[in-house]
Amino acid sequence: GMNKFATDAPVMIVISEGSYNKTASLGSKVKNNDYRSIDIG
């Protein structure tokens, strides 16, 4: 029963994960920080 109003929205934009570049991938692992989620937000 969630989001019933969405039916009336003429456009839906779906945001999916993309790939890190090498620097961001390394930084995310070393610092244990989910940069991807931050960037998507």
PDB file of all heavy atoms in Angstrom:
ATOM      1  N   GLY A   1       0.774  -1.237   0.000  1.00  0.00           N
ATOM      2  CA  GLY A   1       0.000   0.000   0.000  1.00  0.00           C
ATOM      3  C   GLY A   1       0.801   1.280   0.000  1.00  0.00           C
ATOM      4  O   GLY A   1       0.237   2.365   0.181  1.00  0.00           O
ATOM      5  N   MET A   2       2.092   1.189  -0.228  1.00  0.00           N
ATOM      6  CA  MET A   2       2.948   2.377  -0.201  1.00  0.00           C
ATOM      7  C   MET A   2       2.887   3.141  -1.535  1.00  0.00           C
ATOM      8  O   MET A   2       2.611   2.579  -2.592  1.00  0.00           O
ATOM      9  CB  MET A   2       4.392   1.968   0.080  1.00  0.00           C
ATOM     10  CG  MET A   2       4.601   1.316   1.427  1.00  0.00           C
ATOM     11  SD  MET A   2       4.439   2.474   2.790  1.00  0.00           S
ATOM     12  CE  MET A   2       5.993   3.355   2.627  1.00  0.00           C
ATOM     13  N   ASN A   3       3.185   4.433  -1.463  1.00  0.00           N
ATOM     14  CA  ASN A   3       3.448   5.284  -2.634  1.00  0.00           C
ATOM     15  C   ASN A   3       2.353   5.232  -3.704  1.00  0.00           C
ATOM     16  O   ASN A   3       2.645   5.268  -4.906  1.00  0.00           O
ATOM     17  CB  ASN A   3       4.797   4.912  -3.263  1.00  0.00           C
ATOM     18  CG  ASN A   3       5.945   5.006  -2.298  1.00  0.00           C
ATOM     19  OD1 ASN A   3       5.997   5.914  -1.476  1.00  0.00           O
ATOM     20  ND2 ASN A   3       6.877   4.054  -2.367  1.00  0.00           N
ATOM     21  N   LYS A   4       1.094   5.200  -3.302  1.00  0.00           N
ATOM     22  CA  LYS A   4       0.007   5.128  -4.277  1.00  0.00           C
ATOM     23  C   LYS A   4       0.010   6.323  -5.225  1.00  0.00           C
ATOM     24  O   LYS A   4      -0.392   6.216  -6.380  1.00  0.00           O
ATOM     25  CB  LYS A   4      -1.329   5.021  -3.542  1.00  0.00           C
ATOM     26  CG  LYS A   4      -1.523   3.708  -2.798  1.00  0.00           C
ATOM     27  CD  LYS A   4      -2.876   3.663  -2.101  1.00  0.00           C
ATOM     28  CE  LYS A   4      -3.066   2.332  -1.370  1.00  0.00           C
ATOM     29  NZ  LYS A   4      -4.376   2.272  -0.668  1.00  0.00           N
ATOM     30  N   PHE A   5       0.444   7.460  -4.741  1.00  0.00           N
ATOM     31  CA  PHE A   5       0.463   8.691  -5.540  1.00  0.00           C
ATOM     32  C   PHE A   5       1.393   8.597  -6.742  1.00  0.00           C
ATOM     33  O   PHE A   5       1.245   9.343  -7.717  1.00  0.00           O
ATOM     34  CB  PHE A   5       0.910   9.878  -4.678  1.00  0.00           C
ATOM     35  CG  PHE A   5       2.335   9.776  -4.212  1.00  0.00           C
ATOM     36  CD1 PHE A   5       3.367  10.304  -4.967  1.00  0.00           C
ATOM     37  CD2 PHE A   5       2.647   9.127  -3.021  1.00  0.00           C
ATOM     38  CE1 PHE A   5       4.691  10.202  -4.542  1.00  0.00           C
ATOM     39  CE2 PHE A   5       3.957   9.016  -2.598  1.00  0.00           C
ATOM     40  CZ  PHE A   5       4.984   9.545  -3.369  1.00  0.00           C
ATOM     41  N   ALA A   6       2.374   7.691  -6.691  1.00  0.00           N
ATOM     42  CA  ALA A   6       3.384   7.610  -7.755  1.00  0.00           C
ATOM     43  C   ALA A   6       2.773   7.292  -9.112  1.00  0.00           C
ATOM     44  O   ALA A   6       3.336   7.640 -10.159  1.00  0.00           O
ATOM     45  CB  ALA A   6       4.438   6.562  -7.400  1.00  0.00           C
ATOM     46  N   THR A   7       1.607   6.664  -9.119  1.00  0.00           N
ATOM     47  CA  THR A   7       0.928   6.321 -10.379  1.00  0.00           C
ATOM     48  C   THR A   7       0.674   7.555 -11.225  1.00  0.00           C
ATOM     49  O   THR A   7       0.705   7.493 -12.458  1.00  0.00           O
ATOM     50  CB  THR A   7      -0.404   5.604 -10.081  1.00  0.00           C
ATOM     51  OG1 THR A   7      -0.138   4.422  -9.320  1.00  0.00           O
ATOM     52  CG2 THR A   7      -1.124   5.225 -11.365  1.00  0.00           C
ATOM     53  N   ASP A   8       0.429   8.696 -10.584  1.00  0.00           N
ATOM     54  CA  ASP A   8       0.089   9.925 -11.308  1.00  0.00           C
ATOM     55  C   ASP A   8       1.307  10.714 -11.775  1.00  0.00           C
ATOM     56  O   ASP A   8       1.156  11.682 -12.530  1.00  0.00           O
ATOM     57  CB  ASP A   8      -0.791  10.819 -10.444  1.00  0.00           C
ATOM     58  CG  ASP A   8      -2.182  10.244 -10.245  1.00  0.00           C
ATOM     59  OD1 ASP A   8      -2.651   9.500 -11.122  1.00  0.00           O
ATOM     60  OD2 ASP A   8      -2.798  10.523  -9.194  1.00  0.00           O
ATOM     61  N   ALA A   9       2.493  10.338 -11.328  1.00  0.00           N
ATOM     62  CA  ALA A   9       3.692  11.069 -11.749  1.00  0.00           C
ATOM     63  C   ALA A   9       4.027  10.702 -13.196  1.00  0.00           C
ATOM     64  O   ALA A   9       4.223   9.524 -13.506  1.00  0.00           O
ATOM     65  CB  ALA A   9       4.869  10.732 -10.841  1.00  0.00           C
ATOM     66  N   PRO A  10       4.102  11.674 -14.088  1.00  0.00           N
ATOM     67  CA  PRO A  10       4.365  11.354 -15.501  1.00  0.00           C
ATOM     68  C   PRO A  10       5.782  10.884 -15.774  1.00  0.00           C
ATOM     69  O   PRO A  10       6.049  10.269 -16.804  1.00  0.00           O
ATOM     70  CB  PRO A  10       4.073  12.673 -16.218  1.00  0.00           C
ATOM     71  CG  PRO A  10       4.232  13.722 -15.177  1.00  0.00           C
ATOM     72  CD  PRO A  10       3.831  13.102 -13.884  1.00  0.00           C
ATOM     73  N   VAL A  11       6.704  11.169 -14.842  1.00  0.00           N
ATOM     74  CA  VAL A  11       8.100  10.755 -15.018  1.00  0.00           C
ATOM     75  C   VAL A  11       8.597  10.095 -13.738  1.00  0.00           C
ATOM     76  O   VAL A  11       8.329  10.575 -12.634  1.00  0.00           O
ATOM     77  CB  VAL A  11       9.014  11.956 -15.352  1.00  0.00           C
ATOM     78  CG1 VAL A  11      10.465  11.502 -15.533  1.00  0.00           C
ATOM     79  CG2 VAL A  11       8.528  12.669 -16.610  1.00  0.00           C
ATOM     80  N   MET A  12       9.295   8.996 -13.900  1.00  0.00           N
ATOM     81  CA  MET A  12       9.978   8.333 -12.789  1.00  0.00           C
ATOM     82  C   MET A  12      11.458   8.261 -13.147  1.00  0.00           C
ATOM     83  O   MET A  12      11.816   7.785 -14.228  1.00  0.00           O
ATOM     84  CB  MET A  12       9.433   6.925 -12.573  1.00  0.00           C
ATOM     85  CG  MET A  12       7.944   6.840 -12.334  1.00  0.00           C
ATOM     86  SD  MET A  12       7.414   7.476 -10.722  1.00  0.00           S
ATOM     87  CE  MET A  12       7.930   6.140  -9.644  1.00  0.00           C
ATOM     88  N   ILE A  13      12.299   8.757 -12.261  1.00  0.00           N
ATOM     89  CA  ILE A  13      13.745   8.700 -12.495  1.00  0.00           C
ATOM     90  C   ILE A  13      14.335   7.652 -11.551  1.00  0.00           C
ATOM     91  O   ILE A  13      14.240   7.780 -10.330  1.00  0.00           O
ATOM     92  CB  ILE A  13      14.407  10.066 -12.273  1.00  0.00           C
ATOM     93  CG1 ILE A  13      13.818  11.094 -13.260  1.00  0.00           C
ATOM     94  CG2 ILE A  13      15.930   9.959 -12.462  1.00  0.00           C
ATOM     95  CD1 ILE A  13      14.364  12.496 -13.090  1.00  0.00           C
ATOM     96  N   VAL A  14      14.904   6.623 -12.155  1.00  0.00           N
ATOM     97  CA  VAL A  14      15.493   5.530 -11.388  1.00  0.00           C
ATOM     98  C   VAL A  14      16.995   5.791 -11.256  1.00  0.00           C
ATOM     99  O   VAL A  14      17.687   6.024 -12.255  1.00  0.00           O
ATOM    100  CB  VAL A  14      15.263   4.178 -12.098  1.00  0.00           C
ATOM    101  CG1 VAL A  14      15.974   3.050 -11.367  1.00  0.00           C
ATOM    102  CG2 VAL A  14      13.764   3.898 -12.198  1.00  0.00           C
ATOM    103  N   ILE A  15      17.485   5.768 -10.015  1.00  0.00           N
ATOM    104  CA  ILE A  15      18.905   6.020  -9.757  1.00  0.00           C
ATOM    105  C   ILE A  15      19.535   4.715  -9.294  1.00  0.00           C
ATOM    106  O   ILE A  15      19.193   4.185  -8.241  1.00  0.00           O
ATOM    107  CB  ILE A  15      19.094   7.122  -8.703  1.00  0.00           C
ATOM    108  CG1 ILE A  15      18.321   8.374  -9.113  1.00  0.00           C
ATOM    109  CG2 ILE A  15      20.590   7.444  -8.529  1.00  0.00           C
ATOM    110  CD1 ILE A  15      18.276   9.450  -8.057  1.00  0.00           C
ATOM    111  N   SER A  16      20.437   4.210 -10.123  1.00  0.00           N
ATOM    112  CA  SER A  16      21.093   2.939  -9.817  1.00  0.00           C
ATOM    113  C   SER A  16      22.583   3.146  -9.598  1.00  0.00           C
ATOM    114  O   SER A  16      23.140   4.205  -9.925  1.00  0.00           O
ATOM    115  CB  SER A  16      20.867   1.939 -10.956  1.00  0.00           C
ATOM    116  OG  SER A  16      21.275   2.473 -12.199  1.00  0.00           O
ATOM    117  N   GLU A  17      23.212   2.131  -9.043  1.00  0.00           N
ATOM    118  CA  GLU A  17      24.644   2.214  -8.762  1.00  0.00           C
ATOM    119  C   GLU A  17      25.459   2.212 -10.049  1.00  0.00           C
ATOM    120  O   GLU A  17      25.132   1.538 -11.015  1.00  0.00           O
ATOM    121  CB  GLU A  17      25.090   1.038  -7.896  1.00  0.00           C
ATOM    122  CG  GLU A  17      24.610   1.088  -6.478  1.00  0.00           C
ATOM    123  CD  GLU A  17      25.214  -0.012  -5.627  1.00  0.00           C
ATOM    124  OE1 GLU A  17      26.023  -0.810  -6.146  1.00  0.00           O
ATOM    125  OE2 GLU A  17      24.884  -0.081  -4.426  1.00  0.00           O
ATOM    126  N   GLY A  18      26.560   2.980 -10.025  1.00  0.00           N
ATOM    127  CA  GLY A  18      27.551   2.950 -11.079  1.00  0.00           C
ATOM    128  C   GLY A  18      28.881   2.531 -10.481  1.00  0.00           C
ATOM    129  O   GLY A  18      28.976   2.274  -9.267  1.00  0.00           O
ATOM    130  N   SER A  19      29.893   2.476 -11.303  1.00  0.00           N
ATOM    131  CA  SER A  19      31.200   2.016 -10.837  1.00  0.00           C
ATOM    132  C   SER A  19      32.003   3.159 -10.228  1.00  0.00           C
ATOM    133  O   SER A  19      31.944   4.300 -10.675  1.00  0.00           O
ATOM    134  CB  SER A  19      31.989   1.410 -12.002  1.00  0.00           C
ATOM    135  OG  SER A  19      31.302   0.317 -12.558  1.00  0.00           O
ATOM    136  N   TYR A  20      32.759   2.840  -9.178  1.00  0.00           N
ATOM    137  CA  TYR A  20      33.774   3.759  -8.666  1.00  0.00           C
ATOM    138  C   TYR A  20      34.903   3.879  -9.684  1.00  0.00           C
ATOM    139  O   TYR A  20      35.156   2.953 -10.474  1.00  0.00           O
ATOM    140  CB  TYR A  20      34.417   3.182  -7.403  1.00  0.00           C
ATOM    141  CG  TYR A  20      33.672   3.351  -6.112  1.00  0.00           C
ATOM    142  CD1 TYR A  20      33.517   2.275  -5.247  1.00  0.00           C
ATOM    143  CD2 TYR A  20      33.177   4.584  -5.712  1.00  0.00           C
ATOM    144  CE1 TYR A  20      32.882   2.405  -4.025  1.00  0.00           C
ATOM    145  CE2 TYR A  20      32.537   4.729  -4.493  1.00  0.00           C
ATOM    146  CZ  TYR A  20      32.392   3.646  -3.656  1.00  0.00           C
ATOM    147  OH  TYR A  20      31.758   3.791  -2.455  1.00  0.00           O
ATOM    148  N   ASN A  21      35.648   4.989  -9.644  1.00  0.00           N
ATOM    149  CA  ASN A  21      36.953   4.976 -10.293  1.00  0.00           C
ATOM    150  C   ASN A  21      37.957   4.386  -9.295  1.00  0.00           C
ATOM    151  O   ASN A  21      37.620   4.112  -8.142  1.00  0.00           O
ATOM    152  CB  ASN A  21      37.366   6.368 -10.799  1.00  0.00           C
ATOM    153  CG  ASN A  21      37.438   7.404  -9.692  1.00  0.00           C
ATOM    154  OD1 ASN A  21      37.648   7.077  -8.517  1.00  0.00           O
ATOM    155  ND2 ASN A  21      37.280   8.680 -10.051  1.00  0.00           N
ATOM    156  N   LYS A  22      39.168   4.149  -9.727  1.00  0.00           N
ATOM    157  CA  LYS A  22      40.145   3.440  -8.890  1.00  0.00           C
ATOM    158  C   LYS A  22      40.439   4.175  -7.586  1.00  0.00           C
ATOM    159  O   LYS A  22      40.573   3.558  -6.523  1.00  0.00           O
ATOM    160  CB  LYS A  22      41.432   3.208  -9.677  1.00  0.00           C
ATOM    161  CG  LYS A  22      41.287   2.213 -10.811  1.00  0.00           C
ATOM    162  CD  LYS A  22      42.607   2.004 -11.535  1.00  0.00           C
ATOM    163  CE  LYS A  22      42.444   0.996 -12.674  1.00  0.00           C
ATOM    164  NZ  LYS A  22      43.729   0.789 -13.404  1.00  0.00           N
ATOM    165  N   THR A  23      40.541   5.504  -7.670  1.00  0.00           N
ATOM    166  CA  THR A  23      40.883   6.285  -6.479  1.00  0.00           C
ATOM    167  C   THR A  23      39.774   6.222  -5.428  1.00  0.00           C
ATOM    168  O   THR A  23      40.020   6.002  -4.236  1.00  0.00           O
ATOM    169  CB  THR A  23      41.146   7.755  -6.853  1.00  0.00           C
ATOM    170  OG1 THR A  23      42.054   7.812  -7.944  1.00  0.00           O
ATOM    171  CG2 THR A  23      41.735   8.521  -5.684  1.00  0.00           C
ATOM    172  N   ALA A  24      38.533   6.392  -5.872  1.00  0.00           N
ATOM    173  CA  ALA A  24      37.410   6.338  -4.944  1.00  0.00           C
ATOM    174  C   ALA A  24      37.230   4.942  -4.371  1.00  0.00           C
ATOM    175  O   ALA A  24      36.914   4.777  -3.190  1.00  0.00           O
ATOM    176  CB  ALA A  24      36.128   6.786  -5.646  1.00  0.00           C
ATOM    177  N   SER A  25      37.456   3.938  -5.202  1.00  0.00           N
ATOM    178  CA  SER A  25      37.340   2.549  -4.739  1.00  0.00           C
ATOM    179  C   SER A  25      38.349   2.256  -3.635  1.00  0.00           C
ATOM    180  O   SER A  25      38.012   1.671  -2.599  1.00  0.00           O
ATOM    181  CB  SER A  25      37.547   1.590  -5.905  1.00  0.00           C
ATOM    182  OG  SER A  25      37.480   0.250  -5.480  1.00  0.00           O
ATOM    183  N   LEU A  26      39.589   2.689  -3.849  1.00  0.00           N
ATOM    184  CA  LEU A  26      40.632   2.484  -2.855  1.00  0.00           C
ATOM    185  C   LEU A  26      40.307   3.242  -1.569  1.00  0.00           C
ATOM    186  O   LEU A  26      40.396   2.698  -0.462  1.00  0.00           O
ATOM    187  CB  LEU A  26      41.983   2.934  -3.411  1.00  0.00           C
ATOM    188  CG  LEU A  26      43.176   2.827  -2.447  1.00  0.00           C
ATOM    189  CD1 LEU A  26      43.407   1.374  -2.043  1.00  0.00           C
ATOM    190  CD2 LEU A  26      44.437   3.408  -3.099  1.00  0.00           C
ATOM    191  N   GLY A  27      39.916   4.504  -1.699  1.00  0.00           N
ATOM    192  CA  GLY A  27      39.599   5.323  -0.534  1.00  0.00           C
ATOM    193  C   GLY A  27      38.449   4.740   0.274  1.00  0.00           C
ATOM    194  O   GLY A  27      38.475   4.746   1.511  1.00  0.00           O
ATOM    195  N   SER A  28      37.445   4.219  -0.416  1.00  0.00           N
ATOM    196  CA  SER A  28      36.296   3.634   0.267  1.00  0.00           C
ATOM    197  C   SER A  28      36.702   2.422   1.105  1.00  0.00           C
ATOM    198  O   SER A  28      36.237   2.245   2.228  1.00  0.00           O
ATOM    199  CB  SER A  28      35.235   3.220  -0.767  1.00  0.00           C
ATOM    200  OG  SER A  28      34.116   2.651  -0.139  1.00  0.00           O
ATOM    201  N   LYS A  29      37.595   1.618   0.552  1.00  0.00           N
ATOM    202  CA  LYS A  29      38.052   0.422   1.271  1.00  0.00           C
ATOM    203  C   LYS A  29      38.964   0.791   2.440  1.00  0.00           C
ATOM    204  O   LYS A  29      38.825   0.254   3.547  1.00  0.00           O
ATOM    205  CB  LYS A  29      38.786  -0.516   0.310  1.00  0.00           C
ATOM    206  CG  LYS A  29      37.873  -1.156  -0.731  1.00  0.00           C
ATOM    207  CD  LYS A  29      38.669  -1.970  -1.737  1.00  0.00           C
ATOM    208  CE  LYS A  29      37.759  -2.575  -2.804  1.00  0.00           C
ATOM    209  NZ  LYS A  29      38.521  -3.294  -3.851  1.00  0.00           N
ATOM    210  N   VAL A  30      39.902   1.696   2.209  1.00  0.00           N
ATOM    211  CA  VAL A  30      40.865   2.064   3.245  1.00  0.00           C
ATOM    212  C   VAL A  30      40.167   2.753   4.421  1.00  0.00           C
ATOM    213  O   VAL A  30      40.463   2.476   5.588  1.00  0.00           O
ATOM    214  CB  VAL A  30      41.970   2.980   2.657  1.00  0.00           C
ATOM    215  CG1 VAL A  30      42.838   3.553   3.772  1.00  0.00           C
ATOM    216  CG2 VAL A  30      42.832   2.208   1.662  1.00  0.00           C
ATOM    217  N   LYS A  31      39.234   3.649   4.112  1.00  0.00           N
ATOM    218  CA  LYS A  31      38.556   4.425   5.164  1.00  0.00           C
ATOM    219  C   LYS A  31      37.242   3.786   5.610  1.00  0.00           C
ATOM    220  O   LYS A  31      36.573   4.318   6.492  1.00  0.00           O
ATOM    221  CB  LYS A  31      38.298   5.860   4.685  1.00  0.00           C
ATOM    222  CG  LYS A  31      39.558   6.611   4.229  1.00  0.00           C
ATOM    223  CD  LYS A  31      40.674   6.575   5.259  1.00  0.00           C
ATOM    224  CE  LYS A  31      40.342   7.336   6.519  1.00  0.00           C
ATOM    225  NZ  LYS A  31      41.466   7.341   7.492  1.00  0.00           N
ATOM    226  N   ASN A  32      36.889   2.667   4.999  1.00  0.00           N
ATOM    227  CA  ASN A  32      35.651   1.973   5.346  1.00  0.00           C
ATOM    228  C   ASN A  32      34.456   2.930   5.324  1.00  0.00           C
ATOM    229  O   ASN A  32      33.658   3.010   6.269  1.00  0.00           O
ATOM    230  CB  ASN A  32      35.769   1.310   6.725  1.00  0.00           C
ATOM    231  CG  ASN A  32      34.621   0.347   7.009  1.00  0.00           C
ATOM    232  OD1 ASN A  32      34.081  -0.250   6.084  1.00  0.00           O
ATOM    233  ND2 ASN A  32      34.268   0.196   8.279  1.00  0.00           N
ATOM    234  N   ASN A  33      34.354   3.656   4.222  1.00  0.00           N
ATOM    235  CA  ASN A  33      33.308   4.669   4.074  1.00  0.00           C
ATOM    236  C   ASN A  33      32.577   4.446   2.747  1.00  0.00           C
ATOM    237  O   ASN A  33      33.215   4.317   1.701  1.00  0.00           O
ATOM    238  CB  ASN A  33      33.928   6.073   4.107  1.00  0.00           C
ATOM    239  CG  ASN A  33      32.907   7.139   4.461  1.00  0.00           C
ATOM    240  OD1 ASN A  33      31.707   6.924   4.327  1.00  0.00           O
ATOM    241  ND2 ASN A  33      33.383   8.288   4.907  1.00  0.00           N
ATOM    242  N   ASP A  34      31.268   4.382   2.798  1.00  0.00           N
ATOM    243  CA  ASP A  34      30.463   4.109   1.610  1.00  0.00           C
ATOM    244  C   ASP A  34      30.271   5.391   0.796  1.00  0.00           C
ATOM    245  O   ASP A  34      29.215   6.020   0.833  1.00  0.00           O
ATOM    246  CB  ASP A  34      29.114   3.529   2.038  1.00  0.00           C
ATOM    247  CG  ASP A  34      28.238   3.154   0.865  1.00  0.00           C
ATOM    248  OD1 ASP A  34      28.719   3.166  -0.287  1.00  0.00           O
ATOM    249  OD2 ASP A  34      27.050   2.855   1.101  1.00  0.00           O
ATOM    250  N   TYR A  35      31.312   5.771   0.053  1.00  0.00           N
ATOM    251  CA  TYR A  35      31.253   7.001  -0.732  1.00  0.00           C
ATOM    252  C   TYR A  35      30.127   6.966  -1.764  1.00  0.00           C
ATOM    253  O   TYR A  35      29.527   7.993  -2.083  1.00  0.00           O
ATOM    254  CB  TYR A  35      32.581   7.248  -1.447  1.00  0.00           C
ATOM    255  CG  TYR A  35      33.764   7.485  -0.548  1.00  0.00           C
ATOM    256  CD1 TYR A  35      35.029   7.008  -0.900  1.00  0.00           C
ATOM    257  CD2 TYR A  35      33.643   8.185   0.642  1.00  0.00           C
ATOM    258  CE1 TYR A  35      36.132   7.228  -0.092  1.00  0.00           C
ATOM    259  CE2 TYR A  35      34.738   8.413   1.462  1.00  0.00           C
ATOM    260  CZ  TYR A  35      35.980   7.927   1.090  1.00  0.00           C
ATOM    261  OH  TYR A  35      37.068   8.141   1.895  1.00  0.00           O
ATOM    262  N   ARG A  36      29.847   5.788  -2.312  1.00  0.00           N
ATOM    263  CA  ARG A  36      28.833   5.691  -3.359  1.00  0.00           C
ATOM    264  C   ARG A  36      27.458   6.178  -2.855  1.00  0.00           C
ATOM    265  O   ARG A  36      26.787   6.959  -3.529  1.00  0.00           O
ATOM    266  CB  ARG A  36      28.719   4.257  -3.867  1.00  0.00           C
ATOM    267  CG  ARG A  36      27.707   4.108  -5.014  1.00  0.00           C
ATOM    268  CD  ARG A  36      27.530   2.663  -5.435  1.00  0.00           C
ATOM    269  NE  ARG A  36      28.648   2.205  -6.237  1.00  0.00           N
ATOM    270  CZ  ARG A  36      29.528   1.282  -5.848  1.00  0.00           C
ATOM    271  NH1 ARG A  36      29.430   0.744  -4.636  1.00  0.00           N
ATOM    272  NH2 ARG A  36      30.499   0.896  -6.641  1.00  0.00           N
ATOM    273  N   SER A  37      27.090   5.736  -1.668  1.00  0.00           N
ATOM    274  CA  SER A  37      25.800   6.161  -1.121  1.00  0.00           C
ATOM    275  C   SER A  37      25.768   7.661  -0.886  1.00  0.00           C
ATOM    276  O   SER A  37      24.752   8.331  -1.133  1.00  0.00           O
ATOM    277  CB  SER A  37      25.513   5.426   0.198  1.00  0.00           C
ATOM    278  OG  SER A  37      25.297   4.058  -0.034  1.00  0.00           O
ATOM    279  N   ILE A  38      26.880   8.196  -0.400  1.00  0.00           N
ATOM    280  CA  ILE A  38      26.969   9.644  -0.178  1.00  0.00           C
ATOM    281  C   ILE A  38      26.816  10.388  -1.498  1.00  0.00           C
ATOM    282  O   ILE A  38      26.042  11.357  -1.608  1.00  0.00           O
ATOM    283  CB  ILE A  38      28.315  10.005   0.485  1.00  0.00           C
ATOM    284  CG1 ILE A  38      28.410   9.373   1.874  1.00  0.00           C
ATOM    285  CG2 ILE A  38      28.491  11.520   0.568  1.00  0.00           C
ATOM    286  CD1 ILE A  38      29.789   9.439   2.496  1.00  0.00           C
ATOM    287  N   ASP A  39      27.521   9.928  -2.524  1.00  0.00           N
ATOM    288  CA  ASP A  39      27.485  10.595  -3.831  1.00  0.00           C
ATOM    289  C   ASP A  39      26.096  10.536  -4.461  1.00  0.00           C
ATOM    290  O   ASP A  39      25.630  11.511  -5.068  1.00  0.00           O
ATOM    291  CB  ASP A  39      28.510   9.959  -4.770  1.00  0.00           C
ATOM    292  CG  ASP A  39      29.939  10.144  -4.307  1.00  0.00           C
ATOM    293  OD1 ASP A  39      30.189  11.052  -3.491  1.00  0.00           O
ATOM    294  OD2 ASP A  39      30.812   9.375  -4.749  1.00  0.00           O
ATOM    295  N   ILE A  40      25.428   9.397  -4.325  1.00  0.00           N
ATOM    296  CA  ILE A  40      24.074   9.268  -4.863  1.00  0.00           C
ATOM    297  C   ILE A  40      23.131  10.228  -4.136  1.00  0.00           C
ATOM    298  O   ILE A  40      22.266  10.860  -4.763  1.00  0.00           O
ATOM    299  CB  ILE A  40      23.590   7.809  -4.754  1.00  0.00           C
ATOM    300  CG1 ILE A  40      24.339   6.937  -5.770  1.00  0.00           C
ATOM    301  CG2 ILE A  40      22.080   7.711  -4.994  1.00  0.00           C
ATOM    302  CD1 ILE A  40      24.088   5.448  -5.630  1.00  0.00           C
ATOM    303  N   GLY A  41      23.296  10.358  -2.828  1.00  0.00           N
ATOM    304  CA  GLY A  41      22.470  11.285  -2.067  1.00  0.00           C
ATOM    305  C   GLY A  41      22.674  12.730  -2.504  1.00  0.00           C
ATOM    306  O   GLY A  41      21.709  13.490  -2.656  1.00  0.00           O
TER     307      GLY A  41
END
